[in-house]
């Protein structure tokens, strides 16, 4: 069963900082994969426990998609989509 996706308001800003081709790939491929298989992301620990981080690479640049899973409502809540650089620092500020 597929999950429904919802987005943190900051994701809009994240997407503006990415190339169009990356944004297109995120929605055509990676978000769909996460919606079908939420466990495909890595579980984070410490301050960010409860959040998953899905990793992918395009043009030799590492990207991350951070999300939480609401099993009861079958919703994937996307918190951040960005390049790996400073990803977790910004995620901590956004999540706490």
PDB file of N, CA and C in Angstrom:
ATOM      1  N   UNK A   1       0.840  -1.188   0.000  1.00  0.00           N
ATOM      2  CA  UNK A   1       0.000   0.000   0.000  1.00  0.00           C
ATOM      3  C   UNK A   1       0.883   1.248   0.000  1.00  0.00           C
ATOM      4  N   UNK A   2       0.530   2.174  -0.828  1.00  0.00           N
ATOM      5  CA  UNK A   2       1.285   3.418  -0.953  1.00  0.00           C
ATOM      6  C   UNK A   2       0.855   4.421   0.122  1.00  0.00           C
ATOM      7  N   UNK A   3       1.794   5.227   0.533  1.00  0.00           N
ATOM      8  CA  UNK A   3       1.536   6.271   1.510  1.00  0.00           C
ATOM      9  C   UNK A   3       1.222   7.579   0.781  1.00  0.00           C
ATOM     10  N   UNK A   4       0.640   8.519   1.503  1.00  0.00           N
ATOM     11  CA  UNK A   4       0.370   9.854   0.980  1.00  0.00           C
ATOM     12  C   UNK A   4       1.529  10.745   1.424  1.00  0.00           C
ATOM     13  N   UNK A   5       1.878  11.752   0.635  1.00  0.00           N
ATOM     14  CA  UNK A   5       2.972  12.638   1.012  1.00  0.00           C
ATOM     15  C   UNK A   5       2.478  14.015   1.442  1.00  0.00           C
ATOM     16  N   UNK A   6       3.131  14.555   2.469  1.00  0.00           N
ATOM     17  CA  UNK A   6       2.900  15.910   2.948  1.00  0.00           C
ATOM     18  C   UNK A   6       4.272  16.535   3.150  1.00  0.00           C
ATOM     19  N   UNK A   7       4.340  17.866   3.090  1.00  0.00           N
ATOM     20  CA  UNK A   7       5.626  18.543   3.103  1.00  0.00           C
ATOM     21  C   UNK A   7       5.691  19.655   4.138  1.00  0.00           C
ATOM     22  N   UNK A   8       6.837  19.755   4.788  1.00  0.00           N
ATOM     23  CA  UNK A   8       7.137  20.870   5.683  1.00  0.00           C
ATOM     24  C   UNK A   8       7.187  22.138   4.821  1.00  0.00           C
ATOM     25  N   UNK A   9       6.731  23.281   5.322  1.00  0.00           N
ATOM     26  CA  UNK A   9       6.765  24.516   4.513  1.00  0.00           C
ATOM     27  C   UNK A   9       8.174  24.880   4.009  1.00  0.00           C
ATOM     28  N   UNK A  10       9.208  24.498   4.723  1.00  0.00           N
ATOM     29  CA  UNK A  10      10.571  24.811   4.315  1.00  0.00           C
ATOM     30  C   UNK A  10      11.055  24.049   3.103  1.00  0.00           C
ATOM     31  N   UNK A  11      10.356  22.980   2.719  1.00  0.00           N
ATOM     32  CA  UNK A  11      10.766  22.181   1.563  1.00  0.00           C
ATOM     33  C   UNK A  11      10.698  23.018   0.287  1.00  0.00           C
ATOM     34  N   UNK A  12       9.751  23.937   0.213  1.00  0.00           N
ATOM     35  CA  UNK A  12       9.629  24.803  -0.967  1.00  0.00           C
ATOM     36  C   UNK A  12      10.925  25.590  -1.178  1.00  0.00           C
ATOM     37  N   UNK A  13      11.472  26.122  -0.108  1.00  0.00           N
ATOM     38  CA  UNK A  13      12.742  26.854  -0.160  1.00  0.00           C
ATOM     39  C   UNK A  13      13.885  25.912  -0.555  1.00  0.00           C
ATOM     40  N   UNK A  14      13.870  24.703   0.000  1.00  0.00           N
ATOM     41  CA  UNK A  14      14.897  23.711  -0.342  1.00  0.00           C
ATOM     42  C   UNK A  14      14.932  23.464  -1.847  1.00  0.00           C
ATOM     43  N   UNK A  15      13.763  23.277  -2.440  1.00  0.00           N
ATOM     44  CA  UNK A  15      13.676  22.933  -3.853  1.00  0.00           C
ATOM     45  C   UNK A  15      14.158  24.062  -4.759  1.00  0.00           C
ATOM     46  N   UNK A  16      13.975  25.306  -4.329  1.00  0.00           N
ATOM     47  CA  UNK A  16      14.432  26.447  -5.119  1.00  0.00           C
ATOM     48  C   UNK A  16      15.952  26.477  -5.237  1.00  0.00           C
ATOM     49  N   UNK A  17      16.643  25.843  -4.300  1.00  0.00           N
ATOM     50  CA  UNK A  17      18.099  25.839  -4.299  1.00  0.00           C
ATOM     51  C   UNK A  17      18.688  24.694  -5.131  1.00  0.00           C
ATOM     52  N   UNK A  18      17.834  23.829  -5.662  1.00  0.00           N
ATOM     53  CA  UNK A  18      18.296  22.690  -6.449  1.00  0.00           C
ATOM     54  C   UNK A  18      18.070  22.929  -7.936  1.00  0.00           C
ATOM     55  N   UNK A  19      18.868  22.260  -8.755  1.00  0.00           N
ATOM     56  CA  UNK A  19      18.682  22.331 -10.203  1.00  0.00           C
ATOM     57  C   UNK A  19      17.347  21.692 -10.582  1.00  0.00           C
ATOM     58  N   UNK A  20      16.762  22.173 -11.653  1.00  0.00           N
ATOM     59  CA  UNK A  20      15.459  21.651 -12.094  1.00  0.00           C
ATOM     60  C   UNK A  20      15.498  20.157 -12.376  1.00  0.00           C
ATOM     61  N   UNK A  21      16.594  19.700 -12.975  1.00  0.00           N
ATOM     62  CA  UNK A  21      16.707  18.271 -13.292  1.00  0.00           C
ATOM     63  C   UNK A  21      16.697  17.427 -12.023  1.00  0.00           C
ATOM     64  N   UNK A  22      17.301  17.933 -10.960  1.00  0.00           N
ATOM     65  CA  UNK A  22      17.329  17.210  -9.682  1.00  0.00           C
ATOM     66  C   UNK A  22      15.931  17.178  -9.083  1.00  0.00           C
ATOM     67  N   UNK A  23      15.245  18.307  -9.109  1.00  0.00           N
ATOM     68  CA  UNK A  23      13.880  18.379  -8.575  1.00  0.00           C
ATOM     69  C   UNK A  23      12.964  17.416  -9.329  1.00  0.00           C
ATOM     70  N   UNK A  24      13.108  17.393 -10.647  1.00  0.00           N
ATOM     71  CA  UNK A  24      12.296  16.486 -11.459  1.00  0.00           C
ATOM     72  C   UNK A  24      12.561  15.034 -11.066  1.00  0.00           C
ATOM     73  N   UNK A  25      13.832  14.672 -10.915  1.00  0.00           N
ATOM     74  CA  UNK A  25      14.178  13.306 -10.529  1.00  0.00           C
ATOM     75  C   UNK A  25      13.664  12.968  -9.128  1.00  0.00           C
ATOM     76  N   UNK A  26      13.741  13.941  -8.224  1.00  0.00           N
ATOM     77  CA  UNK A  26      13.252  13.723  -6.851  1.00  0.00           C
ATOM     78  C   UNK A  26      11.799  13.275  -6.882  1.00  0.00           C
ATOM     79  N   UNK A  27      10.961  13.989  -7.627  1.00  0.00           N
ATOM     80  CA  UNK A  27       9.534  13.685  -7.620  1.00  0.00           C
ATOM     81  C   UNK A  27       9.151  12.511  -8.520  1.00  0.00           C
ATOM     82  N   UNK A  28       9.866  12.316  -9.602  1.00  0.00           N
ATOM     83  CA  UNK A  28       9.529  11.212 -10.498  1.00  0.00           C
ATOM     84  C   UNK A  28      10.048   9.874  -9.999  1.00  0.00           C
ATOM     85  N   UNK A  29      11.110   9.888  -9.238  1.00  0.00           N
ATOM     86  CA  UNK A  29      11.735   8.630  -8.850  1.00  0.00           C
ATOM     87  C   UNK A  29      11.822   8.439  -7.335  1.00  0.00           C
ATOM     88  N   UNK A  30      12.495   9.344  -6.664  1.00  0.00           N
ATOM     89  CA  UNK A  30      12.836   9.118  -5.262  1.00  0.00           C
ATOM     90  C   UNK A  30      11.656   9.250  -4.300  1.00  0.00           C
ATOM     91  N   UNK A  31      10.828  10.264  -4.469  1.00  0.00           N
ATOM     92  CA  UNK A  31       9.653  10.394  -3.594  1.00  0.00           C
ATOM     93  C   UNK A  31       8.729   9.195  -3.795  1.00  0.00           C
ATOM     94  N   UNK A  32       8.558   8.776  -5.033  1.00  0.00           N
ATOM     95  CA  UNK A  32       7.720   7.599  -5.308  1.00  0.00           C
ATOM     96  C   UNK A  32       8.264   6.353  -4.605  1.00  0.00           C
ATOM     97  N   UNK A  33       9.576   6.188  -4.628  1.00  0.00           N
ATOM     98  CA  UNK A  33      10.189   5.033  -3.964  1.00  0.00           C
ATOM     99  C   UNK A  33       9.935   5.089  -2.455  1.00  0.00           C
ATOM    100  N   UNK A  34      10.088   6.272  -1.875  1.00  0.00           N
ATOM    101  CA  UNK A  34       9.852   6.433  -0.435  1.00  0.00           C
ATOM    102  C   UNK A  34       8.386   6.158  -0.102  1.00  0.00           C
ATOM    103  N   UNK A  35       7.466   6.622  -0.941  1.00  0.00           N
ATOM    104  CA  UNK A  35       6.039   6.399  -0.689  1.00  0.00           C
ATOM    105  C   UNK A  35       5.683   4.914  -0.764  1.00  0.00           C
ATOM    106  N   UNK A  36       6.337   4.185  -1.641  1.00  0.00           N
ATOM    107  CA  UNK A  36       6.092   2.751  -1.764  1.00  0.00           C
ATOM    108  C   UNK A  36       6.803   1.948  -0.677  1.00  0.00           C
ATOM    109  N   UNK A  37       8.004   2.389  -0.291  1.00  0.00           N
ATOM    110  CA  UNK A  37       8.838   1.654   0.666  1.00  0.00           C
ATOM    111  C   UNK A  37       9.467   2.621   1.671  1.00  0.00           C
ATOM    112  N   UNK A  38       8.701   3.063   2.667  1.00  0.00           N
ATOM    113  CA  UNK A  38       9.222   4.045   3.620  1.00  0.00           C
ATOM    114  C   UNK A  38      10.461   3.567   4.379  1.00  0.00           C
ATOM    115  N   UNK A  39      10.637   2.258   4.483  1.00  0.00           N
ATOM    116  CA  UNK A  39      11.788   1.727   5.201  1.00  0.00           C
ATOM    117  C   UNK A  39      13.070   1.813   4.377  1.00  0.00           C
ATOM    118  N   UNK A  40      12.989   2.310   3.132  1.00  0.00           N
ATOM    119  CA  UNK A  40      14.174   2.404   2.274  1.00  0.00           C
ATOM    120  C   UNK A  40      15.168   3.447   2.777  1.00  0.00           C
ATOM    121  N   UNK A  41      14.714   4.364   3.603  1.00  0.00           N
ATOM    122  CA  UNK A  41      15.613   5.356   4.191  1.00  0.00           C
ATOM    123  C   UNK A  41      16.310   4.801   5.421  1.00  0.00           C
ATOM    124  N   UNK A  42      17.387   5.449   5.783  1.00  0.00           N
ATOM    125  CA  UNK A  42      18.165   5.065   6.969  1.00  0.00           C
ATOM    126  C   UNK A  42      17.569   5.760   8.194  1.00  0.00           C
ATOM    127  N   UNK A  43      17.384   5.009   9.270  1.00  0.00           N
ATOM    128  CA  UNK A  43      16.877   5.599  10.515  1.00  0.00           C
ATOM    129  C   UNK A  43      17.976   6.417  11.174  1.00  0.00           C
ATOM    130  N   UNK A  44      17.657   7.660  11.511  1.00  0.00           N
ATOM    131  CA  UNK A  44      18.639   8.506  12.182  1.00  0.00           C
ATOM    132  C   UNK A  44      18.606   8.251  13.681  1.00  0.00           C
ATOM    133  N   UNK A  45      19.689   8.608  14.337  1.00  0.00           N
ATOM    134  CA  UNK A  45      19.800   8.389  15.790  1.00  0.00           C
ATOM    135  C   UNK A  45      20.071   9.707  16.503  1.00  0.00           C
ATOM    136  N   UNK A  46      20.107   9.641  17.814  1.00  0.00           N
ATOM    137  CA  UNK A  46      20.415  10.819  18.618  1.00  0.00           C
ATOM    138  C   UNK A  46      19.278  11.818  18.597  1.00  0.00           C
ATOM    139  N   UNK A  47      19.635  13.091  18.417  1.00  0.00           N
ATOM    140  CA  UNK A  47      18.638  14.167  18.420  1.00  0.00           C
ATOM    141  C   UNK A  47      17.603  14.006  17.303  1.00  0.00           C
ATOM    142  N   UNK A  48      17.992  13.317  16.251  1.00  0.00           N
ATOM    143  CA  UNK A  48      17.103  13.165  15.092  1.00  0.00           C
ATOM    144  C   UNK A  48      16.437  11.797  15.023  1.00  0.00           C
ATOM    145  N   UNK A  49      16.383  11.095  16.150  1.00  0.00           N
ATOM    146  CA  UNK A  49      15.740   9.779  16.128  1.00  0.00           C
ATOM    147  C   UNK A  49      14.261   9.950  15.766  1.00  0.00           C
ATOM    148  N   UNK A  50      13.752   9.003  15.022  1.00  0.00           N
ATOM    149  CA  UNK A  50      12.370   9.088  14.546  1.00  0.00           C
ATOM    150  C   UNK A  50      12.276   9.627  13.128  1.00  0.00           C
ATOM    151  N   UNK A  51      13.413  10.086  12.586  1.00  0.00           N
ATOM    152  CA  UNK A  51      13.459  10.617  11.233  1.00  0.00           C
ATOM    153  C   UNK A  51      14.225   9.630  10.356  1.00  0.00           C
ATOM    154  N   UNK A  52      13.779   9.496   9.110  1.00  0.00           N
ATOM    155  CA  UNK A  52      14.478   8.681   8.124  1.00  0.00           C
ATOM    156  C   UNK A  52      15.227   9.607   7.174  1.00  0.00           C
ATOM    157  N   UNK A  53      16.351   9.125   6.652  1.00  0.00           N
ATOM    158  CA  UNK A  53      17.124   9.873   5.672  1.00  0.00           C
ATOM    159  C   UNK A  53      17.349   8.986   4.453  1.00  0.00           C
ATOM    160  N   UNK A  54      16.783   9.386   3.332  1.00  0.00           N
ATOM    161  CA  UNK A  54      16.922   8.668   2.068  1.00  0.00           C
ATOM    162  C   UNK A  54      18.050   9.330   1.283  1.00  0.00           C
ATOM    163  N   UNK A  55      18.989   8.550   0.793  1.00  0.00           N
ATOM    164  CA  UNK A  55      20.165   9.080   0.100  1.00  0.00           C
ATOM    165  C   UNK A  55      20.114   8.757  -1.386  1.00  0.00           C
ATOM    166  N   UNK A  56      20.547   9.708  -2.202  1.00  0.00           N
ATOM    167  CA  UNK A  56      20.748   9.440  -3.629  1.00  0.00           C
ATOM    168  C   UNK A  56      21.835  10.375  -4.152  1.00  0.00           C
ATOM    169  N   UNK A  57      22.343  10.023  -5.309  1.00  0.00           N
ATOM    170  CA  UNK A  57      23.439  10.774  -5.909  1.00  0.00           C
ATOM    171  C   UNK A  57      23.095  11.103  -7.352  1.00  0.00           C
ATOM    172  N   UNK A  58      23.398  12.328  -7.749  1.00  0.00           N
ATOM    173  CA  UNK A  58      23.202  12.753  -9.143  1.00  0.00           C
ATOM    174  C   UNK A  58      24.361  13.670  -9.511  1.00  0.00           C
ATOM    175  N   UNK A  59      24.985  13.395 -10.636  1.00  0.00           N
ATOM    176  CA  UNK A  59      26.113  14.194 -11.119  1.00  0.00           C
ATOM    177  C   UNK A  59      27.208  14.358 -10.059  1.00  0.00           C
ATOM    178  N   UNK A  60      27.526  13.270  -9.384  1.00  0.00           N
ATOM    179  CA  UNK A  60      28.586  13.219  -8.366  1.00  0.00           C
ATOM    180  C   UNK A  60      28.304  14.084  -7.138  1.00  0.00           C
ATOM    181  N   UNK A  61      27.045  14.444  -6.931  1.00  0.00           N
ATOM    182  CA  UNK A  61      26.649  15.223  -5.754  1.00  0.00           C
ATOM    183  C   UNK A  61      25.683  14.377  -4.937  1.00  0.00           C
ATOM    184  N   UNK A  62      25.924  14.309  -3.622  1.00  0.00           N
ATOM    185  CA  UNK A  62      25.059  13.547  -2.726  1.00  0.00           C
ATOM    186  C   UNK A  62      23.897  14.411  -2.248  1.00  0.00           C
ATOM    187  N   UNK A  63      22.709  13.821  -2.264  1.00  0.00           N
ATOM    188  CA  UNK A  63      21.491  14.490  -1.824  1.00  0.00           C
ATOM    189  C   UNK A  63      20.820  13.650  -0.741  1.00  0.00           C
ATOM    190  N   UNK A  64      19.975  14.303   0.050  1.00  0.00           N
ATOM    191  CA  UNK A  64      19.239  13.629   1.107  1.00  0.00           C
ATOM    192  C   UNK A  64      17.777  14.075   1.085  1.00  0.00           C
ATOM    193  N   UNK A  65      16.904  13.161   1.473  1.00  0.00           N
ATOM    194  CA  UNK A  65      15.495  13.474   1.714  1.00  0.00           C
ATOM    195  C   UNK A  65      15.204  13.000   3.136  1.00  0.00           C
ATOM    196  N   UNK A  66      14.834  13.917   4.014  1.00  0.00           N
ATOM    197  CA  UNK A  66      14.512  13.568   5.396  1.00  0.00           C
ATOM    198  C   UNK A  66      12.997  13.533   5.560  1.00  0.00           C
ATOM    199  N   UNK A  67      12.513  12.501   6.250  1.00  0.00           N
ATOM    200  CA  UNK A  67      11.061  12.355   6.397  1.00  0.00           C
ATOM    201  C   UNK A  67      10.719  11.556   7.652  1.00  0.00           C
ATOM    202  N   UNK A  68       9.484  11.703   8.074  1.00  0.00           N
ATOM    203  CA  UNK A  68       8.949  10.877   9.146  1.00  0.00           C
ATOM    204  C   UNK A  68       7.800  10.058   8.561  1.00  0.00           C
ATOM    205  N   UNK A  69       7.460   8.978   9.260  1.00  0.00           N
ATOM    206  CA  UNK A  69       6.401   8.079   8.797  1.00  0.00           C
ATOM    207  C   UNK A  69       5.304   8.030   9.852  1.00  0.00           C
ATOM    208  N   UNK A  70       4.080   8.322   9.437  1.00  0.00           N
ATOM    209  CA  UNK A  70       2.914   8.183  10.309  1.00  0.00           C
ATOM    210  C   UNK A  70       2.178   6.925   9.844  1.00  0.00           C
ATOM    211  N   UNK A  71       2.468   5.814  10.513  1.00  0.00           N
ATOM    212  CA  UNK A  71       1.887   4.523  10.117  1.00  0.00           C
ATOM    213  C   UNK A  71       0.369   4.514  10.243  1.00  0.00           C
ATOM    214  N   UNK A  72      -0.149   5.143  11.284  1.00  0.00           N
ATOM    215  CA  UNK A  72      -1.592   5.114  11.522  1.00  0.00           C
ATOM    216  C   UNK A  72      -2.367   5.800  10.395  1.00  0.00           C
ATOM    217  N   UNK A  73      -1.854   6.932   9.927  1.00  0.00           N
ATOM    218  CA  UNK A  73      -2.528   7.697   8.874  1.00  0.00           C
ATOM    219  C   UNK A  73      -1.968   7.405   7.485  1.00  0.00           C
ATOM    220  N   UNK A  74      -0.901   6.584   7.411  1.00  0.00           N
ATOM    221  CA  UNK A  74      -0.244   6.240   6.140  1.00  0.00           C
ATOM    222  C   UNK A  74       0.242   7.500   5.412  1.00  0.00           C
ATOM    223  N   UNK A  75       0.985   8.332   6.160  1.00  0.00           N
ATOM    224  CA  UNK A  75       1.501   9.579   5.603  1.00  0.00           C
ATOM    225  C   UNK A  75       3.014   9.631   5.772  1.00  0.00           C
ATOM    226  N   UNK A  76       3.696  10.063   4.722  1.00  0.00           N
ATOM    227  CA  UNK A  76       5.115  10.374   4.758  1.00  0.00           C
ATOM    228  C   UNK A  76       5.194  11.895   4.825  1.00  0.00           C
ATOM    229  N   UNK A  77       5.792  12.411   5.900  1.00  0.00           N
ATOM    230  CA  UNK A  77       5.928  13.861   6.065  1.00  0.00           C
ATOM    231  C   UNK A  77       7.370  14.229   5.745  1.00  0.00           C
ATOM    232  N   UNK A  78       7.574  14.877   4.596  1.00  0.00           N
ATOM    233  CA  UNK A  78       8.914  15.242   4.139  1.00  0.00           C
ATOM    234  C   UNK A  78       9.349  16.526   4.841  1.00  0.00           C
ATOM    235  N   UNK A  79      10.487  16.442   5.520  1.00  0.00           N
ATOM    236  CA  UNK A  79      10.998  17.567   6.305  1.00  0.00           C
ATOM    237  C   UNK A  79      12.021  18.408   5.557  1.00  0.00           C
ATOM    238  N   UNK A  80      12.817  17.760   4.702  1.00  0.00           N
ATOM    239  CA  UNK A  80      13.887  18.485   4.010  1.00  0.00           C
ATOM    240  C   UNK A  80      14.354  17.695   2.795  1.00  0.00           C
ATOM    241  N   UNK A  81      14.665  18.418   1.716  1.00  0.00           N
ATOM    242  CA  UNK A  81      15.256  17.844   0.508  1.00  0.00           C
ATOM    243  C   UNK A  81      16.394  18.774   0.123  1.00  0.00           C
ATOM    244  N   UNK A  82      17.628  18.264   0.146  1.00  0.00           N
ATOM    245  CA  UNK A  82      18.761  19.154  -0.122  1.00  0.00           C
ATOM    246  C   UNK A  82      20.034  18.360  -0.380  1.00  0.00           C
ATOM    247  N   UNK A  83      21.084  19.092  -0.754  1.00  0.00           N
ATOM    248  CA  UNK A  83      22.408  18.494  -0.882  1.00  0.00           C
ATOM    249  C   UNK A  83      22.882  18.068   0.493  1.00  0.00           C
ATOM    250  N   UNK A  84      23.837  17.169   0.535  1.00  0.00           N
ATOM    251  CA  UNK A  84      24.356  16.617   1.790  1.00  0.00           C
ATOM    252  C   UNK A  84      24.996  17.685   2.675  1.00  0.00           C
ATOM    253  N   UNK A  85      25.643  18.663   2.060  1.00  0.00           N
ATOM    254  CA  UNK A  85      26.357  19.700   2.808  1.00  0.00           C
ATOM    255  C   UNK A  85      25.414  20.452   3.761  1.00  0.00           C
ATOM    256  N   UNK A  86      25.723  20.474   5.037  1.00  0.00           N
ATOM    257  CA  UNK A  86      24.941  21.147   6.090  1.00  0.00           C
ATOM    258  C   UNK A  86      23.517  20.612   6.242  1.00  0.00           C
ATOM    259  N   UNK A  87      23.238  19.488   5.645  1.00  0.00           N
ATOM    260  CA  UNK A  87      21.878  18.945   5.646  1.00  0.00           C
ATOM    261  C   UNK A  87      21.351  18.717   7.062  1.00  0.00           C
ATOM    262  N   UNK A  88      22.133  18.031   7.872  1.00  0.00           N
ATOM    263  CA  UNK A  88      21.650  17.634   9.195  1.00  0.00           C
ATOM    264  C   UNK A  88      21.594  18.805  10.174  1.00  0.00           C
ATOM    265  N   UNK A  89      22.468  19.773  10.015  1.00  0.00           N
ATOM    266  CA  UNK A  89      22.429  20.956  10.880  1.00  0.00           C
ATOM    267  C   UNK A  89      21.131  21.736  10.653  1.00  0.00           C
ATOM    268  N   UNK A  90      20.786  21.937   9.387  1.00  0.00           N
ATOM    269  CA  UNK A  90      19.539  22.648   9.057  1.00  0.00           C
ATOM    270  C   UNK A  90      18.334  21.819   9.488  1.00  0.00           C
ATOM    271  N   UNK A  91      18.409  20.516   9.302  1.00  0.00           N
ATOM    272  CA  UNK A  91      17.314  19.632   9.703  1.00  0.00           C
ATOM    273  C   UNK A  91      17.065  19.724  11.211  1.00  0.00           C
ATOM    274  N   UNK A  92      18.130  19.758  11.999  1.00  0.00           N
ATOM    275  CA  UNK A  92      17.965  19.890  13.450  1.00  0.00           C
ATOM    276  C   UNK A  92      17.225  21.167  13.797  1.00  0.00           C
ATOM    277  N   UNK A  93      17.590  22.280  13.158  1.00  0.00           N
ATOM    278  CA  UNK A  93      16.921  23.556  13.436  1.00  0.00           C
ATOM    279  C   UNK A  93      15.456  23.507  12.997  1.00  0.00           C
ATOM    280  N   UNK A  94      15.189  22.842  11.907  1.00  0.00           N
ATOM    281  CA  UNK A  94      13.826  22.772  11.372  1.00  0.00           C
ATOM    282  C   UNK A  94      12.951  21.855  12.206  1.00  0.00           C
ATOM    283  N   UNK A  95      13.529  20.785  12.704  1.00  0.00           N
ATOM    284  CA  UNK A  95      12.759  19.759  13.410  1.00  0.00           C
ATOM    285  C   UNK A  95      12.520  20.107  14.873  1.00  0.00           C
ATOM    286  N   UNK A  96      13.434  20.836  15.492  1.00  0.00           N
ATOM    287  CA  UNK A  96      13.288  21.134  16.935  1.00  0.00           C
ATOM    288  C   UNK A  96      12.671  22.475  17.183  1.00  0.00           C
TER     289      UNK A  96
END
